[in-house]
C-alpha atoms as a PDB file:
ATOM      1  CA  MET A   1       0.535   8.791  12.277  1.00  0.00           C
ATOM      2  CA  LEU A   2      -1.471   8.866   9.380  1.00  0.00           C
ATOM      3  CA  VAL A   3      -2.273   5.142   9.406  1.00  0.00           C
ATOM      4  CA  LEU A   4      -3.292   5.429  12.835  1.00  0.00           C
ATOM      5  CA  ALA A   5      -5.657   8.386  12.482  1.00  0.00           C
ATOM      6  CA  SER A   6      -7.134   6.914   9.358  1.00  0.00           C
ATOM      7  CA  LEU A   7      -8.203   3.873  11.405  1.00  0.00           C
ATOM      8  CA  ALA A   8      -9.048   5.850  14.683  1.00  0.00           C
ATOM      9  CA  ASP A   9     -12.840   6.045  13.442  1.00  0.00           C
ATOM     10  CA  GLY A  10     -12.907   2.128  12.776  1.00  0.00           C
ATOM     11  CA  PRO A  11     -11.427  -0.595  10.435  1.00  0.00           C
ATOM     12  CA  LYS A  12     -10.092  -0.115   6.976  1.00  0.00           C
ATOM     13  CA  HIS A  13      -8.575  -1.733   4.347  1.00  0.00           C
ATOM     14  CA  GLY A  14      -5.643  -0.643   2.227  1.00  0.00           C
ATOM     15  CA  HIS A  15      -7.614   1.118  -0.252  1.00  0.00           C
ATOM     16  CA  ALA A  16     -10.210   2.949   1.748  1.00  0.00           C
ATOM     17  CA  MET A  17      -7.339   3.923   4.201  1.00  0.00           C
ATOM     18  CA  LEU A  18      -5.501   5.798   0.823  1.00  0.00           C
ATOM     19  CA  ASP A  19      -8.867   7.555   0.426  1.00  0.00           C
ATOM     20  CA  ASP A  20      -9.241   8.665   3.783  1.00  0.00           C
ATOM     21  CA  ILE A  21      -5.575   9.737   4.289  1.00  0.00           C
ATOM     22  CA  GLU A  22      -5.989  12.069   1.130  1.00  0.00           C
ATOM     23  CA  ALA A  23      -9.253  13.531   2.209  1.00  0.00           C
ATOM     24  CA  MET A  24      -7.453  14.238   5.779  1.00  0.00           C
ATOM     25  CA  CYS A  25      -4.243  15.841   4.298  1.00  0.00           C
ATOM     26  CA  GLY A  26      -4.891  16.366   0.177  1.00  0.00           C
ATOM     27  CA  ARG A  27      -1.828  13.968  -0.435  1.00  0.00           C
ATOM     28  CA  ARG A  28      -2.321  10.576  -1.601  1.00  0.00           C
ATOM     29  CA  LEU A  29       0.349   8.113  -0.552  1.00  0.00           C
ATOM     30  CA  GLY A  30       1.415   5.451  -2.682  1.00  0.00           C
ATOM     31  CA  PRO A  31       1.157   1.741  -2.026  1.00  0.00           C
ATOM     32  CA  GLY A  32       4.359   1.027  -1.168  1.00  0.00           C
ATOM     33  CA  THR A  33       4.554   3.874   1.086  1.00  0.00           C
ATOM     34  CA  LEU A  34       1.244   2.682   2.784  1.00  0.00           C
ATOM     35  CA  TYR A  35       1.835  -1.157   2.861  1.00  0.00           C
ATOM     36  CA  GLY A  36       5.189  -0.608   4.193  1.00  0.00           C
ATOM     37  CA  ALA A  37       3.887   1.789   6.992  1.00  0.00           C
ATOM     38  CA  ILE A  38       1.245  -1.065   7.851  1.00  0.00           C
ATOM     39  CA  ALA A  39       3.966  -3.594   7.884  1.00  0.00           C
ATOM     40  CA  ARG A  40       5.959  -1.736  10.506  1.00  0.00           C
ATOM     41  CA  LEU A  41       2.783  -0.806  12.659  1.00  0.00           C
ATOM     42  CA  GLU A  42       1.644  -4.292  12.961  1.00  0.00           C
ATOM     43  CA  LYS A  43       4.936  -5.393  14.058  1.00  0.00           C
ATOM     44  CA  GLN A  44       5.181  -3.082  16.528  1.00  0.00           C
ATOM     45  CA  GLY A  45       1.511  -4.199  17.584  1.00  0.00           C
ATOM     46  CA  PHE A  46      -0.378  -0.921  16.770  1.00  0.00           C
ATOM     47  CA  ILE A  47      -2.609  -2.343  14.359  1.00  0.00           C
ATOM     48  CA  GLU A  48      -4.035  -5.861  13.636  1.00  0.00           C
ATOM     49  CA  PRO A  49      -5.442  -7.595  10.665  1.00  0.00           C
ATOM     50  CA  LEU A  50      -8.978  -8.814  10.587  1.00  0.00           C
ATOM     51  CA  THR A  51     -10.695 -11.569   8.916  1.00  0.00           C
ATOM     52  CA  ALA A  52     -10.128 -10.544   4.953  1.00  0.00           C
ATOM     53  CA  GLU A  53     -13.046  -9.421   2.790  1.00  0.00           C
ATOM     54  CA  ASP A  54     -12.761 -11.045  -0.505  1.00  0.00           C
ATOM     55  CA  ARG A  55      -9.166  -9.693  -1.272  1.00  0.00           C
ATOM     56  CA  ARG A  56      -9.300  -6.850   0.996  1.00  0.00           C
ATOM     57  CA  GLN A  57      -7.328  -6.896   4.127  1.00  0.00           C
ATOM     58  CA  PRO A  58      -8.760  -4.587   6.798  1.00  0.00           C
ATOM     59  CA  TYR A  59      -7.195  -3.416   9.514  1.00  0.00           C
ATOM     60  CA  ARG A  60      -7.858  -2.053  13.367  1.00  0.00           C
ATOM     61  CA  LEU A  61      -6.001  -0.259  16.030  1.00  0.00           C
ATOM     62  CA  THR A  62      -5.065  -2.139  18.600  1.00  0.00           C
ATOM     63  CA  GLU A  63      -5.029  -0.997  22.453  1.00  0.00           C
ATOM     64  CA  SER A  64      -1.623  -0.002  22.020  1.00  0.00           C
ATOM     65  CA  GLY A  65      -2.076   1.624  18.982  1.00  0.00           C
ATOM     66  CA  GLU A  66      -5.068   3.777  20.395  1.00  0.00           C
ATOM     67  CA  LYS A  67      -2.780   4.875  22.968  1.00  0.00           C
ATOM     68  CA  VAL A  68       0.009   5.754  20.826  1.00  0.00           C
ATOM     69  CA  PHE A  69      -2.409   7.522  18.864  1.00  0.00           C
ATOM     70  CA  ALA A  70      -3.600   9.463  21.593  1.00  0.00           C
ATOM     71  CA  GLU A  71      -0.173  10.313  22.919  1.00  0.00           C
ATOM     72  CA  ASN A  72       0.909  11.636  19.524  1.00  0.00           C
ATOM     73  CA  ILE A  73      -2.283  13.671  19.122  1.00  0.00           C
ATOM     74  CA  ALA A  74      -1.232  15.380  22.686  1.00  0.00           C
ATOM     75  CA  GLN A  75       1.849  16.073  21.759  1.00  0.00           C
ATOM     76  CA  LEU A  76       0.773  17.604  18.731  1.00  0.00           C
ATOM     77  CA  ARG A  77      -1.597  19.759  20.447  1.00  0.00           C
ATOM     78  CA  ARG A  78       1.267  20.944  22.602  1.00  0.00           C
ATOM     79  CA  PHE A  79       3.434  21.782  19.272  1.00  0.00           C
ATOM     80  CA  VAL A  80       0.645  23.670  17.801  1.00  0.00           C
ATOM     81  CA  ALA A  81      -0.311  26.061  20.971  1.00  0.00           C
ATOM     82  CA  ILE A  82       3.809  26.575  21.018  1.00  0.00           C
ATOM     83  CA  GLY A  83       3.584  27.283  17.407  1.00  0.00           C
ATOM     84  CA  ALA A  84       0.815  29.423  17.823  1.00  0.00           C
ATOM     85  CA  ARG A  85       2.202  31.583  20.934  1.00  0.00           C
ATOM     86  CA  ARG A  86       5.525  32.088  18.883  1.00  0.00           C
ATOM     87  CA  LEU A  87       3.740  33.069  15.711  1.00  0.00           C
ATOM     88  CA  ALA A  88       1.848  35.643  17.829  1.00  0.00           C
ATOM     89  CA  THR A  89       5.367  37.214  18.423  1.00  0.00           C
ATOM     90  CA  ILE A  90       6.230  37.716  15.316  1.00  0.00           C
END
């Protein structure tokens, strides 16, 4: 989800994703975690590589990736709404 969120505003290479994810959630992923996620997301067809820039490999969301990201955001919004209601009763 973090990689999809990072790519939602445009293509990025790995280091830029690491910086973006850290800015979003305050945690820096290790390279193995990031590149493992990239490999899984690419295999699932949610992201795709673009033409490499020097040694940097940028990626972007595919249509499927955009759809999955939107569905996950909708699910998170429902979860947050339920959690907020339950928190209000405490």
